[in-house]
Amino acid sequence: MVNVTDFIDRTTRVLPQTHHADWLLRIPLALVLFQYGFDKFPSSAEVAAGWGLPLFLWALAGVGEVAVTALLLVSGFFRNRAGELLTRLAGAGTAVIVAGVIVVAYWAPPLDLLMFNQFHILLLGAGAYLALKRNPQ
């Protein structure tokens, strides 16, 4: 077991370190959220009712998705405590919004969610990851 641990330690020291790899997660997540948020405007009571939501909640989801997109992109430029706080806020917002989407639009038994709704599970996981991770300083 010690040999395996030593091998892993040596390997991680040799691999290049990048402090900007989080952009590989931020950009696609921001694009998806922006697309979904932007599609909600102009807000329509008929469309909201089609999803079983009041217009206020539908519009709030659209504004939230666009705001989280901005937070994801802006916070990536700051490598300080403010950037970390904004990143965590954006990640938490993403997780809450996607959890709401899963509950409202795709609710199913947990196994069905895992088998047939991988996209939203991945978005939820990405948001939770950003909410919990620390920015490299």
N, C-alpha and C. Protein backbone atom coordinates (compact mmCIF):
# COMPACT_ATOMS: atom_id res chain seq x y z
N MET A 1 0.83 -1.20 0.00
CA MET A 1 0.00 0.00 0.00
C MET A 1 0.87 1.26 0.00
N VAL A 2 2.00 1.19 0.69
CA VAL A 2 2.90 2.33 0.74
C VAL A 2 3.45 2.63 -0.66
N ASN A 3 3.74 1.59 -1.42
CA ASN A 3 4.25 1.80 -2.77
C ASN A 3 3.24 2.51 -3.66
N VAL A 4 1.97 2.16 -3.50
CA VAL A 4 0.92 2.81 -4.29
C VAL A 4 0.83 4.27 -3.89
N THR A 5 0.85 4.56 -2.61
CA THR A 5 0.78 5.94 -2.14
C THR A 5 1.98 6.75 -2.62
N ASP A 6 3.16 6.16 -2.55
CA ASP A 6 4.36 6.85 -3.05
C ASP A 6 4.27 7.12 -4.54
N PHE A 7 3.77 6.14 -5.29
CA PHE A 7 3.62 6.30 -6.74
C PHE A 7 2.66 7.46 -7.04
N ILE A 8 1.55 7.51 -6.32
CA ILE A 8 0.57 8.59 -6.54
C ILE A 8 1.17 9.94 -6.19
N ASP A 9 1.88 10.02 -5.07
CA ASP A 9 2.52 11.28 -4.67
C ASP A 9 3.53 11.74 -5.71
N ARG A 10 4.38 10.84 -6.18
CA ARG A 10 5.39 11.21 -7.18
C ARG A 10 4.73 11.63 -8.48
N THR A 11 3.69 10.94 -8.88
CA THR A 11 3.00 11.26 -10.13
C THR A 11 2.36 12.63 -10.06
N THR A 12 1.70 12.95 -8.96
CA THR A 12 1.03 14.26 -8.86
C THR A 12 2.03 15.40 -8.80
N ARG A 13 3.23 15.16 -8.31
CA ARG A 13 4.26 16.20 -8.30
C ARG A 13 4.81 16.47 -9.70
N VAL A 14 4.81 15.46 -10.54
CA VAL A 14 5.36 15.60 -11.89
C VAL A 14 4.35 16.25 -12.84
N LEU A 15 3.07 15.99 -12.64
CA LEU A 15 2.05 16.54 -13.53
C LEU A 15 2.03 18.06 -13.44
N PRO A 16 1.78 18.73 -14.55
CA PRO A 16 1.73 20.20 -14.49
C PRO A 16 0.52 20.68 -13.68
N GLN A 17 0.73 21.74 -12.96
CA GLN A 17 -0.34 22.34 -12.17
C GLN A 17 -0.95 23.49 -12.96
N THR A 18 -2.23 23.55 -13.00
CA THR A 18 -2.90 24.66 -13.65
C THR A 18 -3.91 25.27 -12.70
N HIS A 19 -3.89 26.56 -12.64
CA HIS A 19 -4.82 27.26 -11.75
C HIS A 19 -6.02 27.79 -12.51
N HIS A 20 -6.09 27.46 -13.78
CA HIS A 20 -7.18 27.97 -14.59
C HIS A 20 -8.04 26.85 -15.19
N ALA A 21 -7.87 25.66 -14.71
CA ALA A 21 -8.64 24.53 -15.23
C ALA A 21 -10.12 24.65 -14.91
N ASP A 22 -10.46 25.43 -13.88
CA ASP A 22 -11.88 25.57 -13.54
C ASP A 22 -12.67 26.25 -14.65
N TRP A 23 -11.98 26.93 -15.58
CA TRP A 23 -12.69 27.52 -16.72
C TRP A 23 -13.29 26.44 -17.62
N LEU A 24 -12.70 25.26 -17.60
CA LEU A 24 -13.26 24.15 -18.39
C LEU A 24 -14.62 23.71 -17.84
N LEU A 25 -14.91 24.06 -16.63
CA LEU A 25 -16.22 23.80 -16.03
C LEU A 25 -17.10 25.05 -16.07
N ARG A 26 -16.51 26.20 -15.81
CA ARG A 26 -17.28 27.45 -15.76
C ARG A 26 -17.94 27.79 -17.10
N ILE A 27 -17.17 27.72 -18.17
CA ILE A 27 -17.69 28.18 -19.46
C ILE A 27 -18.86 27.34 -19.96
N PRO A 28 -18.74 26.01 -20.02
CA PRO A 28 -19.92 25.25 -20.48
C PRO A 28 -21.12 25.38 -19.55
N LEU A 29 -20.87 25.43 -18.25
CA LEU A 29 -21.97 25.59 -17.30
C LEU A 29 -22.65 26.94 -17.49
N ALA A 30 -21.86 27.98 -17.68
CA ALA A 30 -22.42 29.31 -17.91
C ALA A 30 -23.21 29.36 -19.22
N LEU A 31 -22.70 28.72 -20.26
CA LEU A 31 -23.41 28.71 -21.54
C LEU A 31 -24.77 28.02 -21.44
N VAL A 32 -24.80 26.90 -20.75
CA VAL A 32 -26.06 26.16 -20.60
C VAL A 32 -27.05 26.98 -19.79
N LEU A 33 -26.60 27.53 -18.66
CA LEU A 33 -27.51 28.31 -17.82
C LEU A 33 -27.99 29.57 -18.53
N PHE A 34 -27.10 30.21 -19.27
CA PHE A 34 -27.52 31.41 -20.00
C PHE A 34 -28.56 31.07 -21.05
N GLN A 35 -28.35 29.98 -21.76
CA GLN A 35 -29.32 29.57 -22.78
C GLN A 35 -30.69 29.33 -22.16
N TYR A 36 -30.73 28.58 -21.06
CA TYR A 36 -32.01 28.30 -20.41
C TYR A 36 -32.63 29.55 -19.82
N GLY A 37 -31.82 30.44 -19.26
CA GLY A 37 -32.35 31.67 -18.69
C GLY A 37 -32.85 32.62 -19.76
N PHE A 38 -32.06 32.78 -20.81
CA PHE A 38 -32.43 33.71 -21.88
C PHE A 38 -33.70 33.25 -22.60
N ASP A 39 -33.90 31.94 -22.71
CA ASP A 39 -35.10 31.41 -23.38
C ASP A 39 -36.38 31.72 -22.61
N LYS A 40 -36.25 32.10 -21.36
CA LYS A 40 -37.44 32.40 -20.55
C LYS A 40 -37.96 33.81 -20.78
N PHE A 41 -37.25 34.61 -21.56
CA PHE A 41 -37.66 35.98 -21.81
C PHE A 41 -38.06 36.16 -23.26
N PRO A 42 -39.09 36.92 -23.57
CA PRO A 42 -39.98 37.58 -22.63
C PRO A 42 -40.85 36.54 -21.91
N SER A 43 -41.05 36.78 -20.64
CA SER A 43 -41.81 35.84 -19.82
C SER A 43 -43.27 35.84 -20.24
N SER A 44 -43.83 34.67 -20.30
CA SER A 44 -45.22 34.51 -20.72
C SER A 44 -45.95 33.67 -19.68
N ALA A 45 -47.12 34.15 -19.28
CA ALA A 45 -47.92 33.42 -18.30
C ALA A 45 -48.36 32.07 -18.85
N GLU A 46 -48.58 31.99 -20.16
CA GLU A 46 -49.02 30.73 -20.77
C GLU A 46 -47.90 29.68 -20.70
N VAL A 47 -46.67 30.11 -21.01
CA VAL A 47 -45.55 29.17 -20.97
C VAL A 47 -45.31 28.72 -19.54
N ALA A 48 -45.34 29.67 -18.61
CA ALA A 48 -45.14 29.33 -17.19
C ALA A 48 -46.21 28.36 -16.72
N ALA A 49 -47.45 28.60 -17.11
CA ALA A 49 -48.54 27.71 -16.71
C ALA A 49 -48.37 26.33 -17.33
N GLY A 50 -47.78 26.27 -18.51
CA GLY A 50 -47.52 24.97 -19.13
C GLY A 50 -46.56 24.12 -18.31
N TRP A 51 -45.69 24.76 -17.56
CA TRP A 51 -44.77 24.04 -16.67
C TRP A 51 -45.34 23.92 -15.27
N GLY A 52 -46.55 24.44 -15.06
CA GLY A 52 -47.18 24.36 -13.75
C GLY A 52 -46.62 25.35 -12.75
N LEU A 53 -46.09 26.48 -13.25
CA LEU A 53 -45.50 27.48 -12.38
C LEU A 53 -46.20 28.82 -12.54
N PRO A 54 -46.24 29.62 -11.48
CA PRO A 54 -46.74 30.98 -11.65
C PRO A 54 -45.72 31.82 -12.42
N LEU A 55 -46.19 32.87 -13.05
CA LEU A 55 -45.33 33.72 -13.87
C LEU A 55 -44.16 34.28 -13.06
N PHE A 56 -44.42 34.68 -11.81
CA PHE A 56 -43.36 35.24 -10.97
C PHE A 56 -42.21 34.25 -10.80
N LEU A 57 -42.53 33.00 -10.51
CA LEU A 57 -41.49 31.99 -10.30
C LEU A 57 -40.75 31.68 -11.60
N TRP A 58 -41.46 31.66 -12.71
CA TRP A 58 -40.85 31.44 -14.02
C TRP A 58 -39.86 32.55 -14.35
N ALA A 59 -40.27 33.80 -14.14
CA ALA A 59 -39.39 34.93 -14.41
C ALA A 59 -38.22 34.95 -13.43
N LEU A 60 -38.47 34.61 -12.17
CA LEU A 60 -37.40 34.56 -11.19
C LEU A 60 -36.35 33.51 -11.57
N ALA A 61 -36.78 32.39 -12.09
CA ALA A 61 -35.84 31.35 -12.54
C ALA A 61 -34.99 31.88 -13.69
N GLY A 62 -35.61 32.58 -14.64
CA GLY A 62 -34.85 33.14 -15.76
C GLY A 62 -33.83 34.16 -15.31
N VAL A 63 -34.24 35.07 -14.42
CA VAL A 63 -33.31 36.07 -13.89
C VAL A 63 -32.19 35.38 -13.11
N GLY A 64 -32.54 34.38 -12.32
CA GLY A 64 -31.54 33.64 -11.55
C GLY A 64 -30.53 32.95 -12.44
N GLU A 65 -30.99 32.34 -13.51
CA GLU A 65 -30.07 31.65 -14.42
C GLU A 65 -29.11 32.62 -15.10
N VAL A 66 -29.61 33.77 -15.51
CA VAL A 66 -28.74 34.76 -16.14
C VAL A 66 -27.78 35.37 -15.11
N ALA A 67 -28.26 35.61 -13.90
CA ALA A 67 -27.40 36.17 -12.84
C ALA A 67 -26.29 35.18 -12.46
N VAL A 68 -26.64 33.92 -12.35
CA VAL A 68 -25.63 32.90 -12.02
C VAL A 68 -24.60 32.80 -13.13
N THR A 69 -25.04 32.94 -14.38
CA THR A 69 -24.10 32.94 -15.51
C THR A 69 -23.08 34.07 -15.35
N ALA A 70 -23.56 35.26 -15.05
CA ALA A 70 -22.66 36.40 -14.87
C ALA A 70 -21.71 36.15 -13.70
N LEU A 71 -22.22 35.63 -12.60
CA LEU A 71 -21.36 35.34 -11.44
C LEU A 71 -20.30 34.31 -11.77
N LEU A 72 -20.68 33.27 -12.50
CA LEU A 72 -19.71 32.23 -12.87
C LEU A 72 -18.56 32.81 -13.68
N LEU A 73 -18.87 33.68 -14.61
CA LEU A 73 -17.84 34.23 -15.49
C LEU A 73 -17.01 35.31 -14.79
N VAL A 74 -17.67 36.20 -14.08
CA VAL A 74 -16.95 37.30 -13.42
C VAL A 74 -16.07 36.77 -12.30
N SER A 75 -16.57 35.85 -11.51
CA SER A 75 -15.81 35.37 -10.35
C SER A 75 -14.54 34.63 -10.77
N GLY A 76 -14.49 34.10 -11.97
CA GLY A 76 -13.31 33.40 -12.43
C GLY A 76 -12.10 34.29 -12.64
N PHE A 77 -12.34 35.59 -12.78
CA PHE A 77 -11.23 36.52 -13.01
C PHE A 77 -10.57 36.96 -11.71
N PHE A 78 -11.22 36.73 -10.58
CA PHE A 78 -10.67 37.15 -9.30
C PHE A 78 -10.08 35.96 -8.58
N ARG A 79 -8.80 36.02 -8.28
CA ARG A 79 -8.13 34.94 -7.56
C ARG A 79 -7.85 35.39 -6.13
N ASN A 80 -8.92 35.85 -5.48
CA ASN A 80 -8.82 36.28 -4.09
C ASN A 80 -10.06 35.80 -3.35
N ARG A 81 -10.23 36.26 -2.15
CA ARG A 81 -11.36 35.80 -1.34
C ARG A 81 -12.71 36.23 -1.93
N ALA A 82 -12.74 37.41 -2.54
CA ALA A 82 -13.98 37.86 -3.17
C ALA A 82 -14.36 36.95 -4.33
N GLY A 83 -13.37 36.56 -5.14
CA GLY A 83 -13.63 35.63 -6.24
C GLY A 83 -14.11 34.28 -5.74
N GLU A 84 -13.51 33.83 -4.64
CA GLU A 84 -13.93 32.55 -4.07
C GLU A 84 -15.36 32.63 -3.56
N LEU A 85 -15.70 33.73 -2.89
CA LEU A 85 -17.06 33.90 -2.38
C LEU A 85 -18.07 33.94 -3.53
N LEU A 86 -17.74 34.69 -4.59
CA LEU A 86 -18.64 34.78 -5.74
C LEU A 86 -18.77 33.43 -6.45
N THR A 87 -17.67 32.70 -6.54
CA THR A 87 -17.72 31.37 -7.15
C THR A 87 -18.62 30.44 -6.34
N ARG A 88 -18.46 30.47 -5.04
CA ARG A 88 -19.30 29.62 -4.19
C ARG A 88 -20.77 30.02 -4.28
N LEU A 89 -21.03 31.32 -4.34
CA LEU A 89 -22.40 31.80 -4.49
C LEU A 89 -22.99 31.35 -5.82
N ALA A 90 -22.20 31.46 -6.89
CA ALA A 90 -22.66 31.02 -8.22
C ALA A 90 -22.90 29.51 -8.23
N GLY A 91 -22.02 28.75 -7.61
CA GLY A 91 -22.21 27.30 -7.55
C GLY A 91 -23.44 26.92 -6.77
N ALA A 92 -23.65 27.58 -5.63
CA ALA A 92 -24.85 27.29 -4.83
C ALA A 92 -26.11 27.68 -5.60
N GLY A 93 -26.07 28.83 -6.28
CA GLY A 93 -27.21 29.24 -7.09
C GLY A 93 -27.51 28.25 -8.20
N THR A 94 -26.45 27.77 -8.84
CA THR A 94 -26.62 26.77 -9.89
C THR A 94 -27.27 25.51 -9.34
N ALA A 95 -26.77 25.03 -8.21
CA ALA A 95 -27.30 23.80 -7.62
C ALA A 95 -28.77 23.97 -7.24
N VAL A 96 -29.12 25.11 -6.66
CA VAL A 96 -30.52 25.35 -6.27
C VAL A 96 -31.42 25.42 -7.49
N ILE A 97 -30.99 26.15 -8.51
CA ILE A 97 -31.81 26.28 -9.73
C ILE A 97 -32.00 24.93 -10.40
N VAL A 98 -30.93 24.16 -10.55
CA VAL A 98 -31.04 22.86 -11.22
C VAL A 98 -31.86 21.89 -10.37
N ALA A 99 -31.72 21.94 -9.06
CA ALA A 99 -32.55 21.08 -8.20
C ALA A 99 -34.02 21.44 -8.40
N GLY A 100 -34.31 22.73 -8.52
CA GLY A 100 -35.68 23.15 -8.79
C GLY A 100 -36.18 22.64 -10.13
N VAL A 101 -35.34 22.67 -11.14
CA VAL A 101 -35.71 22.15 -12.46
C VAL A 101 -36.01 20.65 -12.37
N ILE A 102 -35.17 19.93 -11.65
CA ILE A 102 -35.39 18.48 -11.52
C ILE A 102 -36.71 18.20 -10.82
N VAL A 103 -37.00 18.94 -9.75
CA VAL A 103 -38.23 18.71 -9.00
C VAL A 103 -39.46 19.07 -9.84
N VAL A 104 -39.41 20.21 -10.51
CA VAL A 104 -40.58 20.69 -11.25
C VAL A 104 -40.79 19.92 -12.54
N ALA A 105 -39.73 19.69 -13.30
CA ALA A 105 -39.91 19.17 -14.66
C ALA A 105 -39.58 17.70 -14.83
N TYR A 106 -38.70 17.17 -14.00
CA TYR A 106 -38.21 15.81 -14.27
C TYR A 106 -38.29 14.89 -13.07
N TRP A 107 -39.14 15.17 -12.12
CA TRP A 107 -39.18 14.37 -10.91
C TRP A 107 -39.52 12.92 -11.24
N ALA A 108 -38.74 12.03 -10.67
CA ALA A 108 -38.93 10.59 -10.86
C ALA A 108 -38.24 9.90 -9.68
N PRO A 109 -38.45 8.62 -9.53
CA PRO A 109 -37.69 7.90 -8.50
C PRO A 109 -36.18 8.09 -8.71
N PRO A 110 -35.40 8.08 -7.63
CA PRO A 110 -33.97 8.38 -7.75
C PRO A 110 -33.24 7.54 -8.80
N LEU A 111 -33.53 6.27 -8.89
CA LEU A 111 -32.85 5.44 -9.88
C LEU A 111 -33.18 5.88 -11.30
N ASP A 112 -34.42 6.25 -11.54
CA ASP A 112 -34.79 6.76 -12.87
C ASP A 112 -34.09 8.07 -13.17
N LEU A 113 -33.96 8.93 -12.18
CA LEU A 113 -33.23 10.19 -12.38
C LEU A 113 -31.79 9.91 -12.79
N LEU A 114 -31.15 8.98 -12.11
CA LEU A 114 -29.76 8.67 -12.41
C LEU A 114 -29.60 8.02 -13.79
N MET A 115 -30.57 7.23 -14.17
CA MET A 115 -30.46 6.50 -15.44
C MET A 115 -30.87 7.34 -16.65
N PHE A 116 -31.85 8.23 -16.48
CA PHE A 116 -32.43 8.89 -17.64
C PHE A 116 -32.30 10.41 -17.64
N ASN A 117 -31.71 10.98 -16.62
CA ASN A 117 -31.58 12.43 -16.57
C ASN A 117 -30.17 12.83 -16.16
N GLN A 118 -29.19 12.24 -16.82
CA GLN A 118 -27.80 12.47 -16.47
C GLN A 118 -27.39 13.93 -16.66
N PHE A 119 -27.96 14.60 -17.64
CA PHE A 119 -27.58 15.98 -17.93
C PHE A 119 -27.83 16.88 -16.72
N HIS A 120 -29.02 16.81 -16.16
CA HIS A 120 -29.33 17.67 -15.02
C HIS A 120 -28.59 17.23 -13.75
N ILE A 121 -28.34 15.95 -13.62
CA ILE A 121 -27.54 15.47 -12.49
C ILE A 121 -26.12 16.02 -12.61
N LEU A 122 -25.58 16.04 -13.82
CA LEU A 122 -24.25 16.59 -14.05
C LEU A 122 -24.21 18.09 -13.75
N LEU A 123 -25.23 18.84 -14.18
CA LEU A 123 -25.29 20.26 -13.87
C LEU A 123 -25.38 20.49 -12.37
N LEU A 124 -26.18 19.68 -11.69
CA LEU A 124 -26.31 19.79 -10.24
C LEU A 124 -24.98 19.52 -9.56
N GLY A 125 -24.28 18.49 -10.00
CA GLY A 125 -22.98 18.17 -9.44
C GLY A 125 -21.95 19.25 -9.70
N ALA A 126 -21.97 19.84 -10.88
CA ALA A 126 -21.02 20.91 -11.20
C ALA A 126 -21.28 22.13 -10.32
N GLY A 127 -22.54 22.46 -10.13
CA GLY A 127 -22.86 23.59 -9.25
C GLY A 127 -22.45 23.32 -7.82
N ALA A 128 -22.72 22.12 -7.33
CA ALA A 128 -22.32 21.76 -5.97
C ALA A 128 -20.80 21.77 -5.82
N TYR A 129 -20.10 21.30 -6.83
CA TYR A 129 -18.64 21.32 -6.79
C TYR A 129 -18.11 22.75 -6.66
N LEU A 130 -18.62 23.65 -7.48
CA LEU A 130 -18.16 25.03 -7.41
C LEU A 130 -18.55 25.69 -6.10
N ALA A 131 -19.67 25.28 -5.53
CA ALA A 131 -20.09 25.86 -4.25
C ALA A 131 -19.17 25.40 -3.11
N LEU A 132 -18.58 24.24 -3.23
CA LEU A 132 -17.79 23.66 -2.15
C LEU A 132 -16.28 23.79 -2.32
N LYS A 133 -15.81 24.07 -3.53
CA LYS A 133 -14.36 24.07 -3.75
C LYS A 133 -13.76 25.43 -3.42
N ARG A 134 -12.48 25.40 -3.17
CA ARG A 134 -11.74 26.64 -2.94
C ARG A 134 -11.03 27.03 -4.23
N ASN A 135 -11.00 28.32 -4.50
CA ASN A 135 -10.25 28.83 -5.66
C ASN A 135 -8.77 28.70 -5.38
N PRO A 136 -7.97 28.37 -6.38
CA PRO A 136 -6.54 28.41 -6.18
C PRO A 136 -6.09 29.87 -5.99
N GLN A 137 -5.22 30.10 -5.06
CA GLN A 137 -4.76 31.47 -4.76
C GLN A 137 -3.54 31.81 -5.57
